[in-house]
C-alpha atoms as a PDB file:
ATOM      1  CA  MET A   1       0.006   0.062  -0.015  1.00  0.00           C
ATOM      2  CA  SER A   2       1.691   2.986  -1.246  1.00  0.00           C
ATOM      3  CA  GLY A   3       0.332   6.596  -1.195  1.00  0.00           C
ATOM      4  CA  SER A   4      -0.915   8.808   1.503  1.00  0.00           C
ATOM      5  CA  LEU A   5      -3.308   7.775   4.210  1.00  0.00           C
ATOM      6  CA  GLN A   6      -5.842  10.123   2.572  1.00  0.00           C
ATOM      7  CA  ASP A   7      -5.543   8.381  -0.755  1.00  0.00           C
ATOM      8  CA  GLN A   8      -5.821   4.972   0.835  1.00  0.00           C
ATOM      9  CA  LEU A   9      -9.105   6.011   2.731  1.00  0.00           C
ATOM     10  CA  MET A  10     -10.506   7.360  -0.413  1.00  0.00           C
ATOM     11  CA  ASN A  11      -9.690   4.123  -2.366  1.00  0.00           C
ATOM     12  CA  MET A  12     -11.443   2.018   0.299  1.00  0.00           C
ATOM     13  CA  GLY A  13     -14.536   4.193   0.313  1.00  0.00           C
ATOM     14  CA  LEU A  14     -14.210   5.342   3.934  1.00  0.00           C
ATOM     15  CA  ALA A  15     -13.685   9.066   2.961  1.00  0.00           C
ATOM     16  CA  ASN A  16     -14.700  11.330  -0.015  1.00  0.00           C
ATOM     17  CA  LYS A  17     -13.161  14.328  -1.710  1.00  0.00           C
ATOM     18  CA  LYS A  18     -15.038  16.782   0.287  1.00  0.00           C
ATOM     19  CA  GLN A  19     -13.794  15.359   3.568  1.00  0.00           C
ATOM     20  CA  ALA A  20     -10.236  15.383   2.197  1.00  0.00           C
ATOM     21  CA  GLN A  21     -10.430  19.028   1.270  1.00  0.00           C
ATOM     22  CA  GLU A  22     -11.799  19.984   4.650  1.00  0.00           C
ATOM     23  CA  ALA A  23      -9.031  18.180   6.368  1.00  0.00           C
ATOM     24  CA  LYS A  24      -6.456  20.022   4.231  1.00  0.00           C
ATOM     25  CA  ALA A  25      -7.966  23.344   4.930  1.00  0.00           C
ATOM     26  CA  HIS A  26      -8.117  22.621   8.628  1.00  0.00           C
ATOM     27  CA  LYS A  27      -4.496  21.567   8.497  1.00  0.00           C
ATOM     28  CA  ARG A  28      -3.461  24.778   6.687  1.00  0.00           C
ATOM     29  CA  LYS A  29      -5.489  27.083   9.123  1.00  0.00           C
ATOM     30  CA  LYS A  30      -3.786  25.412  12.140  1.00  0.00           C
ATOM     31  CA  ALA A  31      -0.291  25.731  10.579  1.00  0.00           C
ATOM     32  CA  LYS A  32      -1.012  29.432   9.776  1.00  0.00           C
ATOM     33  CA  LYS A  33      -2.256  30.100  13.287  1.00  0.00           C
ATOM     34  CA  VAL A  34       0.963  28.595  14.825  1.00  0.00           C
ATOM     35  CA  LYS A  35       3.041  30.633  12.312  1.00  0.00           C
ATOM     36  CA  ASN A  36       1.177  33.815  13.235  1.00  0.00           C
ATOM     37  CA  THR A  37       1.667  33.358  17.025  1.00  0.00           C
ATOM     38  CA  LYS A  38       5.381  32.900  16.484  1.00  0.00           C
ATOM     39  CA  LYS A  39       5.499  36.081  14.366  1.00  0.00           C
ATOM     40  CA  SER A  40       3.433  38.167  16.762  1.00  0.00           C
ATOM     41  CA  GLY A  41       5.606  37.455  19.649  1.00  0.00           C
ATOM     42  CA  THR A  42       6.311  35.381  22.641  1.00  0.00           C
ATOM     43  CA  THR A  43       3.856  33.891  25.040  1.00  0.00           C
ATOM     44  CA  ASP A  44       4.649  36.850  27.437  1.00  0.00           C
ATOM     45  CA  GLU A  45       3.247  39.158  24.925  1.00  0.00           C
ATOM     46  CA  ILE A  46       0.106  37.080  24.446  1.00  0.00           C
ATOM     47  CA  LEU A  47      -0.383  36.823  28.225  1.00  0.00           C
ATOM     48  CA  SER A  48       0.098  40.624  28.671  1.00  0.00           C
ATOM     49  CA  ALA A  49      -2.553  41.160  26.006  1.00  0.00           C
ATOM     50  CA  GLU A  50      -4.816  38.745  27.644  1.00  0.00           C
ATOM     51  CA  ASN A  51      -4.277  40.600  31.007  1.00  0.00           C
ATOM     52  CA  LYS A  52      -4.921  43.920  29.306  1.00  0.00           C
ATOM     53  CA  THR A  53      -8.275  42.653  28.059  1.00  0.00           C
ATOM     54  CA  GLU A  54      -9.188  41.203  31.473  1.00  0.00           C
ATOM     55  CA  THR A  55      -8.437  44.555  33.237  1.00  0.00           C
ATOM     56  CA  ALA A  56     -10.430  46.433  30.558  1.00  0.00           C
ATOM     57  CA  ARG A  57     -13.332  44.096  31.303  1.00  0.00           C
ATOM     58  CA  LYS A  58     -13.043  44.734  34.992  1.00  0.00           C
ATOM     59  CA  GLU A  59     -12.848  48.468  34.431  1.00  0.00           C
ATOM     60  CA  GLN A  60     -16.046  48.174  32.330  1.00  0.00           C
ATOM     61  CA  VAL A  61     -17.783  46.397  35.047  1.00  0.00           C
ATOM     62  CA  GLU A  62     -16.843  48.960  37.626  1.00  0.00           C
ATOM     63  CA  ARG A  63     -17.937  51.821  35.324  1.00  0.00           C
ATOM     64  CA  ASP A  64     -21.347  49.955  34.835  1.00  0.00           C
ATOM     65  CA  LYS A  65     -21.914  49.566  38.563  1.00  0.00           C
ATOM     66  CA  ALA A  66     -21.142  53.262  39.205  1.00  0.00           C
ATOM     67  CA  LEU A  67     -23.488  54.201  36.426  1.00  0.00           C
ATOM     68  CA  ASN A  68     -26.179  51.922  37.804  1.00  0.00           C
ATOM     69  CA  GLN A  69     -25.757  53.443  41.267  1.00  0.00           C
ATOM     70  CA  GLN A  70     -25.922  56.949  39.918  1.00  0.00           C
ATOM     71  CA  ARG A  71     -29.240  55.952  38.126  1.00  0.00           C
ATOM     72  CA  GLN A  72     -30.671  54.518  41.302  1.00  0.00           C
ATOM     73  CA  GLU A  73     -29.814  57.722  43.202  1.00  0.00           C
ATOM     74  CA  GLU A  74     -31.530  59.756  40.536  1.00  0.00           C
ATOM     75  CA  LYS A  75     -34.641  57.572  40.746  1.00  0.00           C
ATOM     76  CA  ILE A  76     -34.649  58.072  44.575  1.00  0.00           C
ATOM     77  CA  LYS A  77     -34.375  61.907  44.147  1.00  0.00           C
ATOM     78  CA  VAL A  78     -37.208  61.902  41.643  1.00  0.00           C
ATOM     79  CA  ALA A  79     -39.308  59.801  44.024  1.00  0.00           C
ATOM     80  CA  GLU A  80     -38.571  62.081  46.921  1.00  0.00           C
ATOM     81  CA  LYS A  81     -39.504  65.116  44.855  1.00  0.00           C
ATOM     82  CA  ALA A  82     -42.744  63.514  43.924  1.00  0.00           C
ATOM     83  CA  GLU A  83     -43.501  62.692  47.549  1.00  0.00           C
ATOM     84  CA  ILE A  84     -42.684  66.270  48.644  1.00  0.00           C
ATOM     85  CA  LYS A  85     -44.953  67.604  45.948  1.00  0.00           C
ATOM     86  CA  GLN A  86     -47.782  65.343  47.103  1.00  0.00           C
ATOM     87  CA  LEU A  87     -47.273  66.096  50.830  1.00  0.00           C
ATOM     88  CA  ILE A  88     -47.368  69.864  50.168  1.00  0.00           C
ATOM     89  CA  GLU A  89     -50.355  69.811  47.761  1.00  0.00           C
ATOM     90  CA  SER A  90     -52.511  67.529  49.958  1.00  0.00           C
ATOM     91  CA  ASN A  91     -51.702  69.286  53.352  1.00  0.00           C
ATOM     92  CA  THR A  92     -51.535  72.946  52.423  1.00  0.00           C
ATOM     93  CA  VAL A  93     -53.439  75.254  54.809  1.00  0.00           C
ATOM     94  CA  LYS A  94     -55.181  77.882  52.729  1.00  0.00           C
ATOM     95  CA  ILE A  95     -53.979  81.444  53.348  1.00  0.00           C
ATOM     96  CA  PRO A  96     -56.764  83.945  53.161  1.00  0.00           C
ATOM     97  CA  LYS A  97     -56.382  86.630  50.608  1.00  0.00           C
ATOM     98  CA  ASP A  98     -57.507  89.364  52.979  1.00  0.00           C
ATOM     99  CA  GLY A  99     -54.920  88.429  55.627  1.00  0.00           C
ATOM    100  CA  ASP A 100     -54.363  91.677  57.589  1.00  0.00           C
ATOM    101  CA  ILE A 101     -51.440  90.537  59.803  1.00  0.00           C
ATOM    102  CA  ALA A 102     -47.912  90.397  58.444  1.00  0.00           C
ATOM    103  CA  TYR A 103     -46.060  87.342  59.589  1.00  0.00           C
ATOM    104  CA  ASN A 104     -42.223  87.707  59.313  1.00  0.00           C
ATOM    105  CA  PHE A 105     -39.926  84.696  59.041  1.00  0.00           C
ATOM    106  CA  VAL A 106     -36.357  84.042  57.887  1.00  0.00           C
ATOM    107  CA  HIS A 107     -35.658  82.282  54.657  1.00  0.00           C
ATOM    108  CA  GLY A 108     -31.920  81.765  54.221  1.00  0.00           C
ATOM    109  CA  THR A 109     -30.349  85.114  55.085  1.00  0.00           C
ATOM    110  CA  THR A 110     -33.421  87.382  54.299  1.00  0.00           C
ATOM    111  CA  VAL A 111     -36.532  88.093  56.195  1.00  0.00           C
ATOM    112  CA  LYS A 112     -39.781  87.374  54.308  1.00  0.00           C
ATOM    113  CA  LYS A 113     -43.359  88.250  55.043  1.00  0.00           C
ATOM    114  CA  ILE A 114     -46.713  86.540  54.453  1.00  0.00           C
ATOM    115  CA  HIS A 115     -50.089  88.026  55.353  1.00  0.00           C
ATOM    116  CA  VAL A 116     -52.219  85.836  57.503  1.00  0.00           C
ATOM    117  CA  ASP A 117     -55.205  86.077  59.802  1.00  0.00           C
ATOM    118  CA  LYS A 118     -55.241  85.977  63.595  1.00  0.00           C
ATOM    119  CA  VAL A 119     -55.916  82.177  63.723  1.00  0.00           C
ATOM    120  CA  LEU A 120     -53.069  81.287  61.403  1.00  0.00           C
ATOM    121  CA  GLN A 121     -50.816  83.681  63.138  1.00  0.00           C
ATOM    122  CA  SER A 122     -51.419  81.989  66.556  1.00  0.00           C
ATOM    123  CA  LYS A 123     -50.959  78.542  65.010  1.00  0.00           C
ATOM    124  CA  LEU A 124     -47.666  79.682  63.481  1.00  0.00           C
ATOM    125  CA  MET A 125     -46.512  81.232  66.735  1.00  0.00           C
ATOM    126  CA  LYS A 126     -47.446  78.005  68.750  1.00  0.00           C
ATOM    127  CA  GLY A 127     -45.550  75.825  66.205  1.00  0.00           C
ATOM    128  CA  GLN A 128     -48.559  74.008  64.937  1.00  0.00           C
ATOM    129  CA  LEU A 129     -47.972  75.266  61.358  1.00  0.00           C
ATOM    130  CA  SER A 130     -44.754  75.712  59.399  1.00  0.00           C
ATOM    131  CA  ILE A 131     -43.901  77.217  56.144  1.00  0.00           C
ATOM    132  CA  ALA A 132     -43.032  75.155  53.019  1.00  0.00           C
ATOM    133  CA  ILE A 133     -41.566  76.482  49.799  1.00  0.00           C
ATOM    134  CA  TYR A 134     -43.280  75.149  46.712  1.00  0.00           C
ATOM    135  CA  GLN A 135     -42.964  76.311  43.147  1.00  0.00           C
ATOM    136  CA  GLY A 136     -41.462  79.739  44.261  1.00  0.00           C
ATOM    137  CA  SER A 137     -44.213  80.384  46.714  1.00  0.00           C
ATOM    138  CA  TYR A 138     -44.696  79.913  50.444  1.00  0.00           C
ATOM    139  CA  ARG A 139     -47.383  77.474  51.768  1.00  0.00           C
ATOM    140  CA  LEU A 140     -48.373  76.825  55.262  1.00  0.00           C
ATOM    141  CA  VAL A 141     -48.357  73.126  56.191  1.00  0.00           C
ATOM    142  CA  PRO A 142     -48.659  71.264  59.616  1.00  0.00           C
ATOM    143  CA  THR A 143     -45.398  71.091  61.316  1.00  0.00           C
ATOM    144  CA  ASP A 144     -45.238  67.275  61.267  1.00  0.00           C
ATOM    145  CA  ILE A 145     -45.560  67.378  57.455  1.00  0.00           C
ATOM    146  CA  ALA A 146     -42.940  70.172  57.291  1.00  0.00           C
ATOM    147  CA  GLU A 147     -40.523  67.957  59.283  1.00  0.00           C
ATOM    148  CA  ARG A 148     -41.124  65.028  56.810  1.00  0.00           C
ATOM    149  CA  ILE A 149     -40.443  67.422  53.958  1.00  0.00           C
ATOM    150  CA  HIS A 150     -37.405  68.761  55.715  1.00  0.00           C
ATOM    151  CA  LYS A 151     -35.928  65.274  56.160  1.00  0.00           C
ATOM    152  CA  ARG A 152     -36.225  64.698  52.414  1.00  0.00           C
ATOM    153  CA  ASP A 153     -35.124  68.134  51.180  1.00  0.00           C
ATOM    154  CA  PRO A 154     -33.921  70.654  53.791  1.00  0.00           C
ATOM    155  CA  GLU A 155     -34.393  73.550  51.388  1.00  0.00           C
ATOM    156  CA  MET A 156     -38.144  72.978  50.835  1.00  0.00           C
ATOM    157  CA  ALA A 157     -39.315  73.556  54.338  1.00  0.00           C
ATOM    158  CA  ILE A 158     -38.777  76.275  56.833  1.00  0.00           C
ATOM    159  CA  CYS A 159     -39.504  74.439  60.070  1.00  0.00           C
ATOM    160  CA  ILE A 160     -40.532  76.667  62.843  1.00  0.00           C
ATOM    161  CA  GLU A 161     -39.535  75.155  66.115  1.00  0.00           C
ATOM    162  CA  GLN A 162     -42.262  74.041  68.384  1.00  0.00           C
ATOM    163  CA  LYS A 163     -42.480  75.801  71.588  1.00  0.00           C
ATOM    164  CA  GLY A 164     -42.424  73.577  74.653  1.00  0.00           C
ATOM    165  CA  ASP A 165     -45.129  73.537  77.265  1.00  0.00           C
ATOM    166  CA  ILE A 166     -45.203  76.668  79.361  1.00  0.00           C
ATOM    167  CA  ASP A 167     -43.593  76.443  82.764  1.00  0.00           C
ATOM    168  CA  PRO A 168     -46.407  76.347  85.365  1.00  0.00           C
ATOM    169  CA  ASP A 169     -44.467  78.378  87.742  1.00  0.00           C
ATOM    170  CA  ASP A 170     -43.859  81.200  85.287  1.00  0.00           C
ATOM    171  CA  PRO A 171     -45.431  84.322  86.665  1.00  0.00           C
ATOM    172  CA  TYR A 172     -45.778  85.910  83.145  1.00  0.00           C
ATOM    173  CA  ALA A 173     -47.360  82.818  81.480  1.00  0.00           C
ATOM    174  CA  ASP A 174     -50.705  84.616  81.176  1.00  0.00           C
ATOM    175  CA  TYR A 175     -49.122  87.586  79.329  1.00  0.00           C
ATOM    176  CA  GLU A 176     -48.200  86.979  75.647  1.00  0.00           C
ATOM    177  CA  VAL A 177     -45.626  89.051  74.027  1.00  0.00           C
ATOM    178  CA  PRO A 178     -47.014  90.592  70.929  1.00  0.00           C
ATOM    179  CA  ASP A 179     -45.235  90.033  67.532  1.00  0.00           C
ATOM    180  CA  ASP A 180     -45.215  93.610  66.517  1.00  0.00           C
ATOM    181  CA  LEU A 181     -43.626  94.827  69.756  1.00  0.00           C
ATOM    182  CA  MET A 182     -40.969  97.428  68.937  1.00  0.00           C
ATOM    183  CA  TRP A 183     -38.103  97.822  71.409  1.00  0.00           C
END
């Protein structure tokens, strides 16, 4: 039996021409790949290239995590703003248009003023009502709602401190100091 193994298999009918051509192509590709790896460099270079791709993959994963965290924080902020909006809109105490008493309060570094009636003024002074900032205007809300708003966004609520119970031994407890008292 002379000839190549390929010829012998074809003569016996165990292989056909198509299979023989595929085997030759596979052998050529394998030889070419080995030749290219020898040309491209040593195994150290191949390993360093693999390390670079691995570090690039890790960096991409870290960037993706940071981006996802940022998106989650944005979603939380949007949800908090929506909750604040709902709290203010549903709990706003209506300020009468004919309020004859000017109530002064501090917003940031400036003194602002809203006009209220006697009932609202007494509730504000007792700490039952607080002022919330909504869409560039001031709204009156119950103090517990203002505290919830203040926890979510400190710039949206001006919390007026609640005054504690009056000392029973205070001799001047029956005398209230007027708001408009000038010294």
